[in-house]
Amino acid sequence: MLKAVDQNGAEIMAHNKTHEQLELLRHQPLYCPECRQKVILKAGQITIPHFAHHQQTDCPNKRSESEEHLKGKLDLYDWAIHQGFPAKIEHSLPSINQRLDVIFKVKNQWIAIEYQCSPINPSVLNSRTIGIASKNIYPIWIFGTTYYKPNRYKIKMNSILRSSVFYSMKSKLNQLFFYDSTKENLVIASDLYSNKSQAFAHICSKRLNHTKFSDWFEFRQLNTSILYNKWILEKKFFRTSQKRHVTHIEQQFLNDLYQRALHPQFLPSCVHLPVKNAHRYKTPIHIWQTYVILYLNHQEIGDIFTFKQVYHSVKKYFDDSFTSIYPSDVTHPILYYLRLLSKLNLIKEVRKSMFVKAKEFYFPNTLDEALQEDRKILQKLLKF
């Protein structure tokens, strides 16, 4: 931790002290601001000067911190100060037994930055978020380099990131925040299209001290030509990959296709298309989209159906979801998908969330034909 208190309760920060001042601190009794047990000063030639509990201490907020985490907290705190915001570092909330990395005030609203560099249990992430919000403080989670590997248009997704997708009311887009404290770069991934363990997104990387808080929530949309051109490879992989390890739900899906005399290679090209909000659910998009198409395939041309009818036909594939720690975009991925099918003129939206079947769905007979149809459909979507 970056902060301790002396025997009079005065806060002591070590990172901004001279060598002589640090030597004086070593011989001074210092205490944890929360548990009031003695702490030791750690200050080397490389390490950011900070405080640590003795090994036998039982402080509830005792945890080892990486250099990345210590520097990241300092960077974010300094950034908030330079923005002109009232700010605190390592702010304790005894009533909920939590210590916030950085807290700053924008107008009349306190904002908490939780900089997460190490693995965290989803239930802990959720409970910490609820605890912060219960104090009328708005939490924003920013993730370290463990969670983000640089890529121009793609990020790796895990359960923590899926739960932490932030819906910006300003841009009306989903976002994730990352910070690389070694490069002092803030990375904002916006407009996410998730597919299993990854997501395509608009990636914006800027020096933290070159950003304003309002910049974090600007409208940054993934270019559709980039999305669909990249998705061609996803479609090809979906058609041709030989999976050595198949999950239980994938195996059930393959068994069901076999019983219907179907094969993934010969599903319609409107299956496995990128849609928003798919990150909220554990079922892969190609599975639930297949069952949407199979439901619609039983309708006659001219038949009218609603989003609710389609949803109830495939509801079981959405029962297993990730708990979002933020208020989310309420639009269900099925509705996004139906509107994508409408763009392809396979169905038409006659009223809000009410559709009519316009065409039959084509099931290709060969792999070459399927891949050709995939390219056609994605080229058609590029026009919108």
Protein backbone atom coordinates (compact mmCIF):
# COMPACT_ATOMS: atom_id res chain seq x y z
CA MET A 1 0.00 0.00 0.00
CA LEU A 2 1.09 3.55 -0.71
CA LYS A 3 -0.25 5.15 2.43
CA ALA A 4 0.36 4.68 6.17
CA VAL A 5 -0.35 6.76 9.29
CA ASP A 6 1.97 7.85 12.08
CA GLN A 7 1.27 7.54 15.82
CA ASN A 8 -0.77 10.78 15.66
CA GLY A 9 -2.96 9.47 12.82
CA ALA A 10 -1.40 11.74 10.18
CA GLU A 11 -1.24 10.22 6.68
CA ILE A 12 2.22 9.40 5.32
CA MET A 13 2.99 8.81 1.62
CA ALA A 14 6.39 7.36 0.80
CA HIS A 15 6.58 7.53 -3.00
CA ASN A 16 7.36 11.26 -3.07
CA LYS A 17 9.99 11.27 -0.32
CA THR A 18 13.72 11.87 -0.77
CA HIS A 19 16.28 9.23 0.20
CA GLU A 20 16.99 11.08 3.45
CA GLN A 21 13.28 11.35 4.30
CA LEU A 22 12.82 7.63 3.63
CA GLU A 23 15.68 6.80 6.00
CA LEU A 24 13.97 8.82 8.72
CA LEU A 25 10.68 7.01 8.05
CA ARG A 26 12.38 3.62 8.52
CA HIS A 27 12.98 4.46 12.18
CA GLN A 28 9.50 5.86 12.80
CA PRO A 29 6.53 3.73 13.99
CA LEU A 30 4.03 3.55 11.13
CA TYR A 31 0.61 1.89 11.01
CA CYS A 32 -1.97 0.59 8.56
CA PRO A 33 -4.75 3.20 8.17
CA GLU A 34 -7.39 0.45 8.52
CA CYS A 35 -6.28 -2.16 11.05
CA ARG A 36 -3.83 0.16 12.89
CA GLN A 37 -1.24 -2.61 13.07
CA LYS A 38 2.40 -1.81 12.42
CA VAL A 39 3.63 -1.76 8.84
CA ILE A 40 7.11 -1.72 7.34
CA LEU A 41 8.51 0.62 4.71
CA LYS A 42 9.71 -1.02 1.49
CA ALA A 43 11.92 1.22 -0.61
CA GLY A 44 14.62 0.00 -2.96
CA GLN A 45 16.38 1.38 -6.01
CA ILE A 46 13.73 -0.05 -8.36
CA THR A 47 10.66 -0.55 -6.17
CA ILE A 48 8.18 2.29 -5.71
CA PRO A 49 8.42 3.17 -1.99
CA HIS A 50 5.39 1.66 -0.25
CA PHE A 51 4.26 0.04 2.99
CA ALA A 52 3.55 -3.60 3.77
CA HIS A 53 2.08 -5.55 6.65
CA HIS A 54 4.15 -7.98 8.66
CA GLN A 55 3.53 -11.57 7.59
CA GLN A 56 1.48 -12.57 10.63
CA THR A 57 -0.96 -9.65 10.38
CA ASP A 58 -4.64 -10.40 9.91
CA CYS A 59 -5.75 -7.12 8.31
CA PRO A 60 -8.80 -7.82 6.07
CA ASN A 61 -7.33 -5.63 3.32
CA LYS A 62 -3.84 -7.11 3.48
CA ARG A 63 -2.69 -8.15 0.01
CA SER A 64 0.53 -8.21 -1.93
CA GLU A 65 0.71 -5.67 -4.75
CA SER A 66 2.71 -5.73 -7.94
CA GLU A 67 4.83 -2.83 -9.14
CA GLU A 68 2.32 -2.45 -11.99
CA HIS A 69 -0.53 -2.00 -9.52
CA LEU A 70 1.33 0.45 -7.28
CA LYS A 71 2.42 2.61 -10.21
CA GLY A 72 -1.00 2.41 -11.85
CA LYS A 73 -2.73 3.70 -8.73
CA LEU A 74 -0.28 6.60 -8.52
CA ASP A 75 -0.69 7.42 -12.22
CA LEU A 76 -4.49 7.45 -11.98
CA TYR A 77 -4.40 9.52 -8.79
CA ASP A 78 -1.99 12.07 -10.32
CA TRP A 79 -4.13 12.19 -13.47
CA ALA A 80 -7.27 12.98 -11.41
CA ILE A 81 -5.42 15.75 -9.53
CA HIS A 82 -4.19 17.29 -12.80
CA GLN A 83 -7.75 17.20 -14.14
CA GLY A 84 -8.67 19.48 -11.25
CA PHE A 85 -10.78 16.87 -9.45
CA PRO A 86 -10.74 16.48 -5.66
CA ALA A 87 -9.04 13.07 -5.33
CA LYS A 88 -7.88 10.53 -2.75
CA ILE A 89 -5.72 7.44 -3.04
CA GLU A 90 -6.37 4.19 -1.12
CA HIS A 91 -9.56 5.57 0.39
CA SER A 92 -10.98 3.34 3.15
CA LEU A 93 -14.68 2.59 3.57
CA PRO A 94 -14.80 0.83 6.98
CA SER A 95 -18.57 0.22 6.86
CA ILE A 96 -18.15 -2.12 3.87
CA ASN A 97 -14.60 -3.19 4.72
CA GLN A 98 -13.15 -1.98 1.41
CA ARG A 99 -10.25 0.19 0.33
CA LEU A 100 -10.64 1.97 -3.00
CA ASP A 101 -7.59 2.42 -5.21
CA VAL A 102 -8.45 5.95 -6.34
CA ILE A 103 -11.48 8.13 -5.76
CA PHE A 104 -12.23 11.51 -7.32
CA LYS A 105 -15.19 13.87 -7.55
CA VAL A 106 -16.73 15.06 -10.82
CA LYS A 107 -19.30 17.79 -10.19
CA ASN A 108 -21.33 16.26 -7.35
CA GLN A 109 -20.53 12.60 -8.02
CA TRP A 110 -17.71 10.59 -6.47
CA ILE A 111 -16.10 8.12 -8.89
CA ALA A 112 -14.02 5.14 -7.74
CA ILE A 113 -11.31 3.66 -9.96
CA GLU A 114 -10.54 0.04 -9.16
CA TYR A 115 -7.33 -0.93 -10.98
CA GLN A 116 -7.33 -4.72 -11.26
CA CYS A 117 -4.04 -6.34 -12.23
CA SER A 118 -4.31 -9.78 -10.60
CA PRO A 119 -6.92 -12.53 -11.08
CA ILE A 120 -10.15 -11.97 -9.16
CA ASN A 121 -13.13 -14.21 -8.43
CA PRO A 122 -16.32 -13.05 -10.24
CA SER A 123 -18.30 -13.12 -6.99
CA VAL A 124 -15.69 -10.86 -5.33
CA LEU A 125 -15.79 -8.49 -8.31
CA ASN A 126 -19.58 -8.31 -8.04
CA SER A 127 -19.70 -7.86 -4.25
CA ARG A 128 -17.02 -5.15 -4.32
CA THR A 129 -18.92 -3.29 -7.03
CA ILE A 130 -22.19 -3.51 -5.08
CA GLY A 131 -20.40 -2.34 -1.92
CA ILE A 132 -18.96 0.74 -3.64
CA ALA A 133 -22.28 1.62 -5.29
CA SER A 134 -24.07 1.30 -1.93
CA LYS A 135 -22.04 4.31 -0.78
CA ASN A 136 -23.32 6.38 -3.72
CA ILE A 137 -19.91 6.12 -5.37
CA TYR A 138 -19.78 5.18 -9.06
CA PRO A 139 -17.26 2.37 -9.66
CA ILE A 140 -15.16 2.06 -12.81
CA TRP A 141 -12.98 -1.03 -13.21
CA ILE A 142 -9.77 -0.63 -15.18
CA PHE A 143 -7.77 -3.77 -15.96
CA GLY A 144 -4.02 -4.25 -16.11
CA THR A 145 -1.85 -5.98 -18.70
CA THR A 146 -2.74 -9.46 -17.41
CA TYR A 147 -6.15 -8.88 -18.96
CA TYR A 148 -5.07 -7.17 -22.16
CA LYS A 149 -2.62 -8.14 -24.88
CA PRO A 150 -2.20 -5.49 -27.61
CA ASN A 151 -4.09 -6.25 -30.81
CA ARG A 152 -5.38 -3.81 -33.37
CA TYR A 153 -9.01 -4.94 -33.48
CA LYS A 154 -9.40 -7.80 -31.03
CA ILE A 155 -9.31 -8.46 -27.29
CA LYS A 156 -9.33 -11.73 -25.38
CA MET A 157 -12.41 -12.16 -23.21
CA ASN A 158 -12.81 -14.06 -19.96
CA SER A 159 -15.62 -14.23 -17.39
CA ILE A 160 -14.30 -11.17 -15.52
CA LEU A 161 -14.17 -8.97 -18.62
CA ARG A 162 -17.57 -10.20 -19.79
CA SER A 163 -19.03 -9.21 -16.42
CA SER A 164 -17.27 -5.83 -16.49
CA VAL A 165 -18.43 -4.53 -19.86
CA PHE A 166 -19.50 -0.93 -19.29
CA TYR A 167 -22.44 0.52 -21.25
CA SER A 168 -21.83 4.21 -21.92
CA MET A 169 -25.02 6.25 -21.83
CA LYS A 170 -23.13 8.95 -23.74
CA SER A 171 -21.96 6.88 -26.71
CA LYS A 172 -24.62 4.12 -26.43
CA LEU A 173 -21.80 1.59 -26.86
CA ASN A 174 -20.28 -1.17 -24.74
CA GLN A 175 -16.78 -0.46 -23.39
CA LEU A 176 -13.89 -1.98 -21.47
CA PHE A 177 -11.01 -0.05 -19.90
CA PHE A 178 -7.37 -1.15 -19.61
CA TYR A 179 -4.24 0.58 -18.35
CA ASP A 180 -0.61 -0.29 -19.00
CA SER A 181 1.30 1.49 -16.23
CA THR A 182 4.71 0.71 -17.80
CA LYS A 183 3.78 2.63 -20.96
CA GLU A 184 1.29 4.93 -19.19
CA ASN A 185 -1.28 4.06 -21.86
CA LEU A 186 -5.03 4.01 -21.31
CA VAL A 187 -6.73 1.56 -23.68
CA ILE A 188 -10.47 1.80 -24.35
CA ALA A 189 -12.18 -1.04 -26.21
CA SER A 190 -15.56 0.09 -27.58
CA ASP A 191 -18.41 -1.41 -29.61
CA LEU A 192 -17.75 -5.05 -28.74
CA TYR A 193 -18.73 -8.05 -30.87
CA SER A 194 -18.01 -11.15 -28.83
CA ASN A 195 -17.28 -14.64 -30.12
CA LYS A 196 -16.41 -17.23 -27.47
CA SER A 197 -13.11 -16.19 -25.84
CA GLN A 198 -12.53 -13.07 -27.90
CA ALA A 199 -14.24 -9.90 -29.07
CA PHE A 200 -13.74 -7.56 -31.99
CA ALA A 201 -13.78 -3.92 -30.92
CA HIS A 202 -12.67 -0.40 -31.71
CA ILE A 203 -9.38 -0.08 -29.81
CA CYS A 204 -8.25 3.39 -28.74
CA SER A 205 -4.86 3.69 -27.01
CA LYS A 206 -3.74 7.04 -25.58
CA ARG A 207 -1.28 8.35 -23.04
CA LEU A 208 -3.27 8.73 -19.83
CA ASN A 209 -2.11 12.30 -19.27
CA HIS A 210 -3.36 13.22 -22.75
CA THR A 211 -6.96 12.27 -21.91
CA LYS A 212 -9.81 14.08 -20.21
CA PHE A 213 -12.42 12.15 -18.25
CA SER A 214 -15.07 13.00 -20.85
CA ASP A 215 -12.81 11.45 -23.54
CA TRP A 216 -13.26 8.04 -21.94
CA PHE A 217 -16.89 7.84 -23.06
CA GLU A 218 -16.68 9.29 -26.56
CA PHE A 219 -18.43 7.58 -29.49
CA ARG A 220 -15.92 5.13 -30.98
CA GLN A 221 -17.57 2.65 -33.32
CA LEU A 222 -15.85 -0.33 -34.91
CA ASN A 223 -15.69 0.18 -38.67
CA THR A 224 -18.14 -2.29 -40.23
CA SER A 225 -15.83 -3.01 -43.16
CA ILE A 226 -13.13 -4.07 -40.69
CA LEU A 227 -15.60 -6.16 -38.68
CA TYR A 228 -17.05 -8.07 -41.63
CA ASN A 229 -13.72 -8.52 -43.43
CA LYS A 230 -12.25 -9.97 -40.22
CA TRP A 231 -15.36 -12.08 -39.68
CA ILE A 232 -14.78 -13.87 -43.00
CA LEU A 233 -11.96 -15.73 -41.24
CA GLU A 234 -14.23 -16.49 -38.28
CA LYS A 235 -16.79 -18.00 -40.65
CA LYS A 236 -14.15 -20.09 -42.40
CA PHE A 237 -12.80 -21.33 -39.08
CA PHE A 238 -16.33 -22.20 -37.98
CA ARG A 239 -16.93 -24.24 -41.14
CA THR A 240 -13.59 -26.04 -41.39
CA SER A 241 -11.99 -26.38 -37.94
CA GLN A 242 -11.55 -29.82 -36.44
CA LYS A 243 -12.06 -29.42 -32.70
CA ARG A 244 -9.98 -31.70 -30.49
CA HIS A 245 -11.69 -30.55 -27.30
CA VAL A 246 -15.44 -30.08 -27.45
CA THR A 247 -17.44 -28.58 -24.59
CA HIS A 248 -20.56 -30.27 -23.26
CA ILE A 249 -22.88 -27.75 -24.91
CA GLU A 250 -21.00 -28.07 -28.23
CA GLN A 251 -21.32 -31.85 -28.09
CA GLN A 252 -25.05 -31.59 -27.41
CA PHE A 253 -25.34 -29.21 -30.35
CA LEU A 254 -23.46 -31.55 -32.71
CA ASN A 255 -25.56 -34.51 -31.58
CA ASP A 256 -28.75 -32.55 -32.20
CA LEU A 257 -27.59 -31.52 -35.67
CA TYR A 258 -26.77 -35.17 -36.45
CA GLN A 259 -30.29 -36.24 -35.44
CA ARG A 260 -31.67 -33.58 -37.78
CA ALA A 261 -29.37 -34.80 -40.60
CA LEU A 262 -27.43 -31.52 -40.49
CA HIS A 263 -23.75 -30.62 -40.24
CA PRO A 264 -22.11 -27.31 -39.16
CA GLN A 265 -20.43 -27.06 -42.57
CA PHE A 266 -23.80 -26.90 -44.29
CA LEU A 267 -25.74 -24.51 -42.09
CA PRO A 268 -27.13 -21.35 -43.73
CA SER A 269 -24.67 -18.48 -44.11
CA CYS A 270 -26.86 -16.30 -41.90
CA VAL A 271 -25.73 -18.47 -38.96
CA HIS A 272 -22.70 -17.27 -36.98
CA LEU A 273 -22.95 -13.54 -37.58
CA PRO A 274 -21.56 -10.88 -35.21
CA VAL A 275 -24.13 -9.21 -32.95
CA LYS A 276 -23.97 -6.83 -30.01
CA ASN A 277 -24.46 -7.99 -26.41
CA ALA A 278 -23.47 -11.61 -27.12
CA HIS A 279 -20.81 -11.24 -24.39
CA ARG A 280 -23.52 -11.51 -21.72
CA TYR A 281 -24.27 -15.17 -22.44
CA LYS A 282 -22.22 -18.35 -22.23
CA THR A 283 -23.79 -20.14 -25.20
CA PRO A 284 -21.69 -19.55 -28.35
CA ILE A 285 -23.43 -17.39 -30.95
CA HIS A 286 -23.41 -20.07 -33.66
CA ILE A 287 -25.48 -22.37 -31.44
CA TRP A 288 -28.31 -20.03 -30.49
CA GLN A 289 -28.37 -18.48 -33.98
CA THR A 290 -28.76 -21.97 -35.47
CA TYR A 291 -31.81 -22.61 -33.32
CA VAL A 292 -33.29 -19.23 -34.24
CA ILE A 293 -32.94 -20.14 -37.92
CA LEU A 294 -34.37 -23.63 -37.37
CA TYR A 295 -37.39 -22.03 -35.66
CA LEU A 296 -37.88 -19.55 -38.52
CA ASN A 297 -37.34 -22.29 -41.10
CA HIS A 298 -40.59 -23.88 -39.94
CA GLN A 299 -42.51 -20.66 -40.67
CA GLU A 300 -44.11 -20.06 -44.05
CA ILE A 301 -43.25 -17.05 -46.19
CA GLY A 302 -45.59 -14.28 -45.09
CA ASP A 303 -45.97 -15.62 -41.55
CA ILE A 304 -45.76 -12.96 -38.85
CA PHE A 305 -43.81 -13.56 -35.64
CA THR A 306 -42.51 -11.48 -32.76
CA PHE A 307 -39.21 -11.19 -30.97
CA LYS A 308 -40.87 -12.68 -27.87
CA GLN A 309 -41.97 -15.78 -29.79
CA VAL A 310 -38.47 -16.34 -31.13
CA TYR A 311 -36.95 -15.71 -27.70
CA HIS A 312 -39.22 -18.25 -26.00
CA SER A 313 -38.36 -20.86 -28.64
CA VAL A 314 -34.64 -20.65 -27.78
CA LYS A 315 -34.83 -19.32 -24.20
CA LYS A 316 -32.96 -22.25 -22.66
CA TYR A 317 -29.77 -21.25 -24.52
CA PHE A 318 -29.75 -17.93 -22.64
CA ASP A 319 -30.33 -19.26 -19.13
CA ASP A 320 -26.59 -19.42 -18.43
CA SER A 321 -25.37 -15.83 -18.38
CA PHE A 322 -22.61 -13.70 -16.89
CA THR A 323 -23.61 -11.39 -14.05
CA SER A 324 -23.02 -7.85 -15.25
CA ILE A 325 -21.65 -5.49 -12.61
CA TYR A 326 -23.05 -2.48 -14.49
CA PRO A 327 -26.44 -1.49 -15.88
CA SER A 328 -26.40 -2.86 -19.44
CA ASP A 329 -27.85 -2.16 -22.85
CA VAL A 330 -31.28 -3.75 -22.53
CA THR A 331 -31.49 -4.86 -26.16
CA HIS A 332 -31.28 -8.65 -26.34
CA PRO A 333 -28.78 -10.15 -28.83
CA ILE A 334 -31.66 -12.06 -30.47
CA LEU A 335 -33.32 -8.76 -31.39
CA TYR A 336 -30.02 -7.48 -32.80
CA TYR A 337 -29.81 -10.72 -34.78
CA LEU A 338 -33.36 -10.48 -36.13
CA ARG A 339 -32.64 -6.94 -37.33
CA LEU A 340 -29.50 -8.24 -39.04
CA LEU A 341 -31.64 -10.85 -40.84
CA SER A 342 -33.96 -8.01 -41.83
CA LYS A 343 -31.03 -6.16 -43.45
CA LEU A 344 -30.39 -9.32 -45.46
CA ASN A 345 -34.06 -9.27 -46.60
CA LEU A 346 -34.65 -12.73 -45.15
CA ILE A 347 -37.27 -11.28 -42.82
CA LYS A 348 -38.82 -7.80 -42.55
CA GLU A 349 -39.60 -5.78 -39.43
CA VAL A 350 -43.19 -4.62 -39.96
CA ARG A 351 -43.56 -3.04 -36.52
CA LYS A 352 -41.25 -2.69 -33.55
CA SER A 353 -40.11 -6.23 -32.60
CA MET A 354 -42.63 -7.76 -35.05
CA PHE A 355 -41.41 -9.45 -38.20
CA VAL A 356 -42.63 -11.27 -41.29
CA LYS A 357 -40.75 -14.06 -43.07
CA ALA A 358 -39.70 -12.83 -46.53
CA LYS A 359 -37.56 -15.67 -47.92
CA GLU A 360 -36.67 -19.30 -47.36
CA PHE A 361 -33.31 -20.02 -45.76
CA TYR A 362 -30.78 -21.65 -48.05
CA PHE A 363 -28.79 -24.65 -46.79
CA PRO A 364 -25.63 -25.14 -48.93
CA ASN A 365 -24.77 -28.58 -50.28
CA THR A 366 -20.96 -28.37 -50.36
CA LEU A 367 -18.26 -26.70 -48.30
CA ASP A 368 -17.11 -24.56 -51.25
CA GLU A 369 -20.67 -23.39 -51.79
CA ALA A 370 -21.04 -22.59 -48.06
CA LEU A 371 -17.84 -20.52 -48.02
CA GLN A 372 -18.94 -18.69 -51.16
CA GLU A 373 -22.34 -17.92 -49.58
CA ASP A 374 -20.57 -16.68 -46.43
CA ARG A 375 -18.60 -14.17 -48.48
CA LYS A 376 -21.75 -13.02 -50.29
CA ILE A 377 -23.68 -12.43 -47.10
CA LEU A 378 -20.89 -10.48 -45.44
CA GLN A 379 -20.40 -8.40 -48.60
CA LYS A 380 -24.11 -7.61 -48.50
CA LEU A 381 -23.86 -6.47 -44.87
CA LEU A 382 -20.97 -4.16 -45.83
CA LYS A 383 -23.48 -2.00 -47.73
CA PHE A 384 -25.19 -0.91 -44.50
